[in-house]
Amino acid sequence: MTSIYFSDATLKSFSAATKGGKSTIKIEIETADRYQMASILNQLDEIEAEQKAAKTPRKAPSRKTEAPLLALPAPLKQISFHGDDHD
């Protein structure tokens, strides 16, 4: 469960609405301290990041087995031969 801590701020108002089976709660918090405001905003940002990380689908590991690389000899040089040019 996620919570938000605020000490010097006061709850100004709140409201709720339901639409299409989903409910939205709006909370208005008032503070005169800029640092308290920054702290609350940081907490909200962390909550949002956690929720986005939880929604992001994780890729399943590939089913390919990691085969060891084989050491192959270098390819032969492609030198063209034009016959004996010793005249």
Protein backbone atom coordinates (compact mmCIF):
# COMPACT_ATOMS: atom_id res chain seq x y z
CA MET A 1 0.00 0.00 0.00
CA THR A 2 1.31 3.42 -0.90
CA SER A 3 1.15 6.36 1.48
CA ILE A 4 2.08 10.04 1.41
CA TYR A 5 3.51 11.79 4.44
CA PHE A 6 3.03 15.52 5.02
CA SER A 7 3.45 17.33 8.33
CA ASP A 8 3.10 21.09 7.81
CA ALA A 9 0.57 20.85 5.00
CA THR A 10 -3.19 20.90 5.53
CA LEU A 11 -5.95 19.14 3.69
CA LYS A 12 -7.86 21.86 1.87
CA SER A 13 -10.51 19.81 0.08
CA PHE A 14 -11.27 16.47 -1.50
CA SER A 15 -13.86 15.07 -3.88
CA ALA A 16 -14.75 11.82 -5.59
CA ALA A 17 -16.48 10.90 -8.83
CA THR A 18 -17.34 7.61 -10.51
CA LYS A 19 -17.61 7.20 -14.25
CA GLY A 20 -17.79 4.01 -16.24
CA GLY A 21 -16.94 1.77 -13.31
CA LYS A 22 -13.82 3.72 -12.36
CA SER A 23 -13.61 6.09 -9.42
CA THR A 24 -11.45 9.19 -9.22
CA ILE A 25 -10.52 10.85 -5.94
CA LYS A 26 -9.13 14.38 -6.02
CA ILE A 27 -7.25 15.67 -2.99
CA GLU A 28 -6.14 19.28 -2.56
CA ILE A 29 -3.31 19.90 -0.08
CA GLU A 30 -2.16 23.36 0.97
CA THR A 31 1.26 24.28 2.35
CA ALA A 32 3.26 27.48 2.78
CA ASP A 33 6.59 25.64 2.96
CA ARG A 34 8.30 25.14 -0.41
CA TYR A 35 10.38 22.26 0.94
CA GLN A 36 7.26 20.46 2.17
CA MET A 37 5.71 20.94 -1.27
CA ALA A 38 8.83 19.54 -2.93
CA SER A 39 8.78 16.56 -0.57
CA ILE A 40 5.15 15.77 -1.38
CA LEU A 41 5.79 16.11 -5.11
CA ASN A 42 8.81 13.79 -4.86
CA GLN A 43 6.70 11.21 -3.06
CA LEU A 44 4.03 11.44 -5.76
CA ASP A 45 6.69 11.10 -8.46
CA GLU A 46 8.04 7.94 -6.81
CA ILE A 47 4.54 6.48 -6.59
CA GLU A 48 3.96 7.21 -10.28
CA ALA A 49 7.29 5.60 -11.23
CA GLU A 50 6.46 2.46 -9.21
CA GLN A 51 3.07 2.18 -10.88
CA LYS A 52 4.56 2.59 -14.37
CA ALA A 53 7.20 -0.05 -13.62
CA ALA A 54 4.51 -2.46 -12.44
CA LYS A 55 2.48 -1.95 -15.65
CA THR A 56 5.43 -2.36 -18.02
CA PRO A 57 5.40 -5.91 -19.37
CA ARG A 58 8.64 -7.70 -18.83
CA LYS A 59 10.13 -9.52 -21.77
CA ALA A 60 10.41 -13.25 -21.36
CA PRO A 61 13.94 -14.56 -21.70
CA SER A 62 14.64 -15.84 -25.18
CA ARG A 63 14.29 -19.55 -25.62
CA LYS A 64 17.45 -19.78 -27.68
CA THR A 65 20.22 -21.49 -25.83
CA GLU A 66 23.46 -19.67 -25.72
CA ALA A 67 25.67 -21.99 -27.75
CA PRO A 68 29.39 -21.46 -27.36
CA LEU A 69 31.02 -19.71 -30.29
CA LEU A 70 33.03 -22.06 -32.47
CA ALA A 71 36.54 -21.15 -33.53
CA LEU A 72 36.57 -21.37 -37.32
CA PRO A 73 39.64 -20.93 -39.52
CA ALA A 74 39.98 -17.71 -41.48
CA PRO A 75 38.49 -17.91 -44.99
CA LEU A 76 40.89 -18.60 -47.85
CA LYS A 77 42.18 -15.58 -49.74
CA GLN A 78 40.44 -15.03 -53.05
CA ILE A 79 43.44 -14.58 -55.39
CA SER A 80 42.61 -14.84 -59.06
CA PHE A 81 45.06 -16.83 -61.24
CA HIS A 82 45.58 -15.67 -64.81
CA GLY A 83 47.91 -18.41 -65.98
CA ASP A 84 51.65 -18.20 -66.69
CA ASP A 85 52.51 -14.74 -68.03
CA HIS A 86 56.25 -15.56 -68.44
CA ASP A 87 56.96 -14.92 -72.14
